[in-house]
Amino acid sequence: MTDWFTVKIKYLKQNPEDGSIQTKGEAYMLNALSFTEAEARLQGILEEYIPEYNLLTCAKTNIQDVIVDEAFDYFFKVKVSYISVDPDSGKEKKINENYIIQANGLKEAYDKMEERLKGSIVDWEIPSITKTNVVDVFPYVDNTIAEKEEVLENA
């Protein structure tokens, strides 16, 4: 089972217009098995673009899922609430789940979440949508599955 991690970095970047050096901070989300794997995966991904950076934080998030659509520029955190009934006790409990959705605006993020929840058997509501400072998202890719699929395709 993998978790979503938010990793924040800081690095120096040269301004192409005037040659000045600026400090830049960025946040990334990665799906990984552990903190160590999240840090190692990010280093492997960024090494050709940002060879030297300082890792500021690596934190496990409470994100249920990420909806990536590379046609859009921004990532939004969408909070979804619904009531769940415990089958043993019969008590109702309010459940909050968080999702990250790539979209160009709040309405678009809402519409994408609404489409995803269409047909759900529970009554849900979206109490909040906030724009995040996440630059990019890297879902977990199990290389062993990808390698097996490649072998099957070539057979």
Protein backbone atom coordinates (compact mmCIF):
# COMPACT_ATOMS: atom_id res chain seq x y z
CA MET A 1 0.00 0.00 0.00
CA THR A 2 1.41 3.36 -0.97
CA ASP A 3 0.84 6.77 0.62
CA TRP A 4 0.99 10.26 -0.80
CA PHE A 5 3.87 12.44 0.36
CA THR A 6 4.41 16.16 -0.07
CA VAL A 7 8.08 17.00 -0.55
CA LYS A 8 9.24 20.62 -0.43
CA ILE A 9 12.59 21.73 -1.79
CA LYS A 10 14.57 24.95 -2.10
CA TYR A 11 17.23 25.65 -4.72
CA LEU A 12 19.11 28.44 -6.47
CA LYS A 13 18.05 29.41 -9.98
CA GLN A 14 19.63 31.90 -12.34
CA ASN A 15 17.28 34.46 -13.88
CA PRO A 16 17.75 34.19 -17.69
CA GLU A 17 16.90 37.89 -18.20
CA ASP A 18 19.44 39.58 -15.95
CA GLY A 19 21.65 36.73 -14.72
CA SER A 20 20.76 37.27 -11.05
CA ILE A 21 20.56 34.30 -8.70
CA GLN A 22 17.23 33.69 -6.98
CA THR A 23 16.14 31.25 -4.30
CA LYS A 24 13.18 29.21 -5.45
CA GLY A 25 10.96 26.88 -3.44
CA GLU A 26 8.75 24.16 -4.89
CA ALA A 27 6.43 21.43 -3.60
CA TYR A 28 5.91 18.04 -5.21
CA MET A 29 3.58 15.14 -4.42
CA LEU A 30 4.77 11.57 -4.73
CA ASN A 31 3.09 8.24 -4.19
CA ALA A 32 5.56 6.03 -2.32
CA LEU A 33 5.89 3.26 0.24
CA SER A 34 8.03 5.26 2.70
CA PHE A 35 9.65 8.63 3.39
CA THR A 36 12.96 7.26 2.13
CA GLU A 37 11.46 6.05 -1.12
CA ALA A 38 9.66 9.39 -1.66
CA GLU A 39 12.94 11.30 -1.22
CA ALA A 40 14.87 8.89 -3.46
CA ARG A 41 12.21 8.95 -6.20
CA LEU A 42 12.14 12.75 -6.19
CA GLN A 43 15.93 12.90 -6.44
CA GLY A 44 15.85 10.50 -9.40
CA ILE A 45 13.16 12.55 -11.13
CA LEU A 46 14.71 15.97 -10.52
CA GLU A 47 18.41 15.17 -10.97
CA GLU A 48 18.52 16.21 -14.63
CA TYR A 49 16.52 19.44 -14.04
CA ILE A 50 17.64 20.54 -10.58
CA PRO A 51 20.93 18.83 -9.72
CA GLU A 52 21.41 20.59 -6.37
CA TYR A 53 18.63 21.40 -3.94
CA ASN A 54 17.88 21.38 -0.23
CA LEU A 55 15.13 19.10 0.98
CA LEU A 56 13.02 21.16 3.37
CA THR A 57 10.25 18.71 4.30
CA CYS A 58 8.89 15.33 3.42
CA ALA A 59 5.46 14.75 4.96
CA LYS A 60 2.85 12.05 4.63
CA THR A 61 -0.47 13.54 3.52
CA ASN A 62 -4.08 12.54 4.05
CA ILE A 63 -4.84 12.49 0.32
CA GLN A 64 -7.08 9.63 -0.84
CA ASP A 65 -6.35 9.97 -4.54
CA VAL A 66 -4.93 12.29 -7.17
CA ILE A 67 -6.63 13.06 -10.47
CA VAL A 68 -3.93 14.09 -12.94
CA ASP A 69 -4.74 15.74 -16.25
CA GLU A 70 -1.59 17.21 -17.79
CA ALA A 71 -3.65 19.50 -20.02
CA PHE A 72 -4.16 21.71 -16.95
CA ASP A 73 -1.73 23.84 -14.95
CA TYR A 74 -2.75 23.90 -11.28
CA PHE A 75 -3.46 21.43 -8.50
CA PHE A 76 -6.45 21.88 -6.17
CA LYS A 77 -7.17 20.15 -2.87
CA VAL A 78 -10.81 19.09 -2.77
CA LYS A 79 -12.38 18.08 0.54
CA VAL A 80 -15.33 15.68 0.23
CA SER A 81 -17.61 14.94 3.20
CA TYR A 82 -20.21 12.22 3.59
CA ILE A 83 -22.01 10.31 6.34
CA SER A 84 -21.12 6.68 6.91
CA VAL A 85 -23.07 4.26 9.10
CA ASP A 86 -21.18 1.74 11.22
CA PRO A 87 -22.80 -1.62 10.38
CA ASP A 88 -22.23 -3.03 13.89
CA SER A 89 -23.37 -0.13 16.07
CA GLY A 90 -25.64 1.66 13.59
CA LYS A 91 -24.06 5.01 14.52
CA GLU A 92 -23.50 7.66 11.89
CA LYS A 93 -20.06 9.12 11.42
CA LYS A 94 -19.01 12.06 9.26
CA ILE A 95 -16.13 11.11 6.94
CA ASN A 96 -13.85 13.68 5.31
CA GLU A 97 -11.64 12.68 2.39
CA ASN A 98 -9.16 14.85 0.50
CA TYR A 99 -8.32 14.64 -3.18
CA ILE A 100 -5.87 16.49 -5.41
CA ILE A 101 -7.27 17.45 -8.79
CA GLN A 102 -5.38 19.05 -11.66
CA ALA A 103 -7.47 21.82 -13.24
CA ASN A 104 -7.27 25.44 -14.38
CA GLY A 105 -9.76 26.83 -11.87
CA LEU A 106 -11.97 26.15 -8.85
CA LYS A 107 -15.11 25.50 -10.91
CA GLU A 108 -13.27 23.05 -13.15
CA ALA A 109 -11.91 21.21 -10.07
CA TYR A 110 -15.44 21.06 -8.62
CA ASP A 111 -16.87 19.74 -11.88
CA LYS A 112 -14.19 17.03 -12.13
CA MET A 113 -14.85 15.91 -8.54
CA GLU A 114 -18.60 15.94 -9.13
CA GLU A 115 -18.13 13.77 -12.23
CA ARG A 116 -15.98 11.33 -10.25
CA LEU A 117 -18.60 11.05 -7.49
CA LYS A 118 -21.53 10.67 -9.87
CA GLY A 119 -23.40 7.46 -9.14
CA SER A 120 -22.10 7.27 -5.57
CA ILE A 121 -24.48 5.55 -3.17
CA VAL A 122 -23.85 8.06 -0.36
CA ASP A 123 -24.89 11.69 -0.18
CA TRP A 124 -21.74 13.78 -0.36
CA GLU A 125 -20.82 17.44 -0.26
CA ILE A 126 -17.72 19.44 -1.13
CA PRO A 127 -17.14 21.87 1.74
CA SER A 128 -13.87 23.29 0.41
CA ILE A 129 -11.60 23.56 -2.60
CA THR A 130 -8.22 25.27 -2.27
CA LYS A 131 -5.47 25.93 -4.75
CA THR A 132 -2.21 24.27 -3.71
CA ASN A 133 1.40 25.23 -4.33
CA VAL A 134 2.17 21.75 -5.74
CA VAL A 135 4.27 22.00 -8.91
CA ASP A 136 3.94 18.40 -10.08
CA VAL A 137 2.61 15.00 -9.01
CA PHE A 138 4.36 11.67 -9.48
CA PRO A 139 2.11 8.61 -9.01
CA TYR A 140 3.63 5.32 -7.91
CA VAL A 141 4.65 3.05 -10.76
CA ASP A 142 5.37 -0.56 -9.92
CA ASN A 143 8.22 -1.41 -12.29
CA THR A 144 7.70 -5.13 -11.90
CA ILE A 145 4.17 -4.84 -13.30
CA ALA A 146 5.37 -2.60 -16.15
CA GLU A 147 8.17 -5.08 -16.95
CA LYS A 148 5.71 -8.02 -16.96
CA GLU A 149 3.36 -6.12 -19.30
CA GLU A 150 6.28 -5.35 -21.63
CA VAL A 151 7.28 -9.04 -21.70
CA LEU A 152 3.68 -10.03 -22.53
CA GLU A 153 3.47 -7.44 -25.31
CA ASN A 154 6.72 -8.66 -26.87
CA ALA A 155 5.71 -12.35 -26.67
